[in-house]
C-alpha atoms as a PDB file:
ATOM      1  CA  MET A   1      73.328 110.244 104.134  1.00  0.00           C
ATOM      2  CA  PRO A   2      76.489 110.455 106.242  1.00  0.00           C
ATOM      3  CA  CYS A   3      78.482 108.100 103.970  1.00  0.00           C
ATOM      4  CA  VAL A   4      78.164 110.621 101.153  1.00  0.00           C
ATOM      5  CA  TYR A   5      79.654 113.327 103.368  1.00  0.00           C
ATOM      6  CA  MET A   6      82.477 111.056 104.542  1.00  0.00           C
ATOM      7  CA  THR A   7      83.312 110.280 100.924  1.00  0.00           C
ATOM      8  CA  ARG A   8      83.349 113.986 100.050  1.00  0.00           C
ATOM      9  CA  VAL A   9      85.862 114.704 102.802  1.00  0.00           C
ATOM     10  CA  VAL A  10      88.154 111.923 101.576  1.00  0.00           C
ATOM     11  CA  GLU A  11      87.771 113.066  97.960  1.00  0.00           C
ATOM     12  CA  SER A  12      88.691 116.625  98.945  1.00  0.00           C
ATOM     13  CA  VAL A  13      91.895 115.543 100.730  1.00  0.00           C
ATOM     14  CA  ALA A  14      93.110 112.612  98.599  1.00  0.00           C
ATOM     15  CA  PRO A  15      94.649 114.652  95.740  1.00  0.00           C
ATOM     16  CA  GLU A  16      97.164 116.179  98.158  1.00  0.00           C
ATOM     17  CA  PHE A  17      98.472 112.688  98.926  1.00  0.00           C
ATOM     18  CA  GLU A  18      98.125 111.032  95.513  1.00  0.00           C
ATOM     19  CA  ASP A  19     101.777 109.922  95.427  1.00  0.00           C
ATOM     20  CA  VAL A  20     101.566 107.992  98.697  1.00  0.00           C
ATOM     21  CA  LEU A  21      98.035 106.727  99.151  1.00  0.00           C
ATOM     22  CA  THR A  22      95.027 105.197  97.554  1.00  0.00           C
ATOM     23  CA  TRP A  23      91.538 105.100  98.922  1.00  0.00           C
ATOM     24  CA  GLU A  24      88.472 103.115  98.206  1.00  0.00           C
ATOM     25  CA  LYS A  25      84.795 103.379  98.994  1.00  0.00           C
ATOM     26  CA  VAL A  26      83.312 100.091 100.140  1.00  0.00           C
ATOM     27  CA  ILE A  27      79.642  99.413  99.487  1.00  0.00           C
ATOM     28  CA  THR A  28      78.338  97.156 102.246  1.00  0.00           C
ATOM     29  CA  LYS A  29      75.179  96.406 100.256  1.00  0.00           C
ATOM     30  CA  GLU A  30      77.328  94.497  97.757  1.00  0.00           C
ATOM     31  CA  LEU A  31      78.524  90.970  98.556  1.00  0.00           C
ATOM     32  CA  ALA A  32      82.236  91.815  98.641  1.00  0.00           C
ATOM     33  CA  GLY A  33      81.586  94.841 100.841  1.00  0.00           C
ATOM     34  CA  ALA A  34      79.390  92.833 103.210  1.00  0.00           C
ATOM     35  CA  GLN A  35      82.121  90.215 103.547  1.00  0.00           C
ATOM     36  CA  ARG A  36      84.708  92.871 104.284  1.00  0.00           C
ATOM     37  CA  TYR A  37      82.363  94.407 106.845  1.00  0.00           C
ATOM     38  CA  GLN A  38      82.096  91.068 108.639  1.00  0.00           C
ATOM     39  CA  GLU A  39      85.872  90.571 108.592  1.00  0.00           C
ATOM     40  CA  PHE A  40      86.558  94.048 109.903  1.00  0.00           C
ATOM     41  CA  SER A  41      83.902  93.706 112.600  1.00  0.00           C
ATOM     42  CA  LYS A  42      85.583  90.482 113.746  1.00  0.00           C
ATOM     43  CA  LEU A  43      88.937  92.242 113.817  1.00  0.00           C
ATOM     44  CA  LEU A  44      87.460  95.055 115.915  1.00  0.00           C
ATOM     45  CA  GLY A  45      85.581  92.665 118.198  1.00  0.00           C
ATOM     46  CA  ARG A  46      82.383  94.629 117.632  1.00  0.00           C
ATOM     47  CA  PRO A  47      80.220  95.793 114.751  1.00  0.00           C
ATOM     48  CA  ALA A  48      82.261  98.142 112.612  1.00  0.00           C
ATOM     49  CA  PRO A  49      80.875 101.675 112.563  1.00  0.00           C
ATOM     50  CA  VAL A  50      79.430 102.991 109.324  1.00  0.00           C
ATOM     51  CA  PRO A  51      80.601 105.392 108.109  1.00  0.00           C
ATOM     52  CA  SER A  52      84.197 105.285 109.210  1.00  0.00           C
ATOM     53  CA  ILE A  53      87.739 105.576 107.913  1.00  0.00           C
ATOM     54  CA  ALA A  54      90.550 103.089 108.336  1.00  0.00           C
ATOM     55  CA  ILE A  55      94.183 103.792 107.548  1.00  0.00           C
ATOM     56  CA  ASN A  56      96.463 100.822 106.983  1.00  0.00           C
ATOM     57  CA  GLY A  57      93.772  98.524 108.346  1.00  0.00           C
ATOM     58  CA  GLN A  58      93.301 100.495 111.580  1.00  0.00           C
ATOM     59  CA  LEU A  59      90.071 102.304 112.444  1.00  0.00           C
ATOM     60  CA  VAL A  60      90.858 106.008 112.773  1.00  0.00           C
ATOM     61  CA  PHE A  61      87.504 107.791 112.387  1.00  0.00           C
ATOM     62  CA  GLU A  62      84.050 106.651 113.451  1.00  0.00           C
ATOM     63  CA  THR A  63      82.517 109.999 112.585  1.00  0.00           C
ATOM     64  CA  ILE A  64      83.039 112.379 109.705  1.00  0.00           C
ATOM     65  CA  PRO A  65      86.268 114.322 110.239  1.00  0.00           C
ATOM     66  CA  ASP A  66      86.827 117.764 108.874  1.00  0.00           C
ATOM     67  CA  PRO A  67      89.413 117.882 106.080  1.00  0.00           C
ATOM     68  CA  GLU A  68      92.168 119.259 108.337  1.00  0.00           C
ATOM     69  CA  GLU A  69      91.674 116.441 110.859  1.00  0.00           C
ATOM     70  CA  LEU A  70      91.918 113.863 108.080  1.00  0.00           C
ATOM     71  CA  LYS A  71      95.051 115.484 106.629  1.00  0.00           C
ATOM     72  CA  ALA A  72      96.730 115.493 110.034  1.00  0.00           C
ATOM     73  CA  CYS A  73      95.804 111.850 110.576  1.00  0.00           C
ATOM     74  CA  ILE A  74      97.197 110.856 107.179  1.00  0.00           C
ATOM     75  CA  HIS A  75     100.442 112.713 107.936  1.00  0.00           C
ATOM     76  CA  ARG A  76     100.758 110.919 111.287  1.00  0.00           C
ATOM     77  CA  ASN A  77     100.214 107.521 109.651  1.00  0.00           C
ATOM     78  CA  ILE A  78     101.933 107.888 106.297  1.00  0.00           C
ATOM     79  CA  ASN A  79     105.275 106.479 107.415  1.00  0.00           C
ATOM     80  CA  LYS A  80     103.905 103.731 109.634  1.00  0.00           C
ATOM     81  CA  PRO A  81     104.047 100.185 108.285  1.00  0.00           C
ATOM     82  CA  ILE A  82     100.829  98.606 107.118  1.00  0.00           C
ATOM     83  CA  LEU A  83      99.698  96.575 110.109  1.00  0.00           C
ATOM     84  CA  SER A  84      97.112  94.443 108.363  1.00  0.00           C
ATOM     85  CA  ASP A  85      96.316  93.282 104.879  1.00  0.00           C
ATOM     86  CA  ARG A  86      92.650  93.244 105.804  1.00  0.00           C
ATOM     87  CA  LYS A  87      90.613  95.979 104.258  1.00  0.00           C
ATOM     88  CA  SER A  88      88.082  98.044 106.090  1.00  0.00           C
ATOM     89  CA  PRO A  89      84.451  97.707 105.032  1.00  0.00           C
ATOM     90  CA  ASN A  90      83.885 101.312 105.888  1.00  0.00           C
ATOM     91  CA  ALA A  91      82.693 104.097 103.699  1.00  0.00           C
ATOM     92  CA  SER A  92      86.264 105.021 102.949  1.00  0.00           C
ATOM     93  CA  GLN A  93      89.614 103.418 103.428  1.00  0.00           C
ATOM     94  CA  VAL A  94      93.021 104.956 103.022  1.00  0.00           C
ATOM     95  CA  THR A  95      96.131 102.823 102.461  1.00  0.00           C
ATOM     96  CA  GLN A  96      99.696 103.524 101.496  1.00  0.00           C
ATOM     97  CA  ARG A  97     100.359 103.193  97.799  1.00  0.00           C
ATOM     98  CA  LYS A  98     104.061 102.543  98.355  1.00  0.00           C
ATOM     99  CA  PRO A  99     106.271 102.295 101.417  1.00  0.00           C
ATOM    100  CA  ILE A 100     108.192 105.409 102.348  1.00  0.00           C
END
């Protein structure tokens, strides 16, 4: 169950960034999640990978990163503007809570 492992990595890293990000697990078996999956797949121009992680609407991981990789990616993206209001249908999504 790779989605479970992806979620665990995000859960382990998220508390370090609680002031600047939120994350959400999207269940593609639910109607809202399936719709988001379709939207994100259209945006990508291909079927969206599951599991994956998007930051600010951009696909950043198609495989399960280790916690240090995810932390580094969050640091690189934390000050970038949100490029899309669309939400990823992936196992986990990270977005800025407030602009910095």
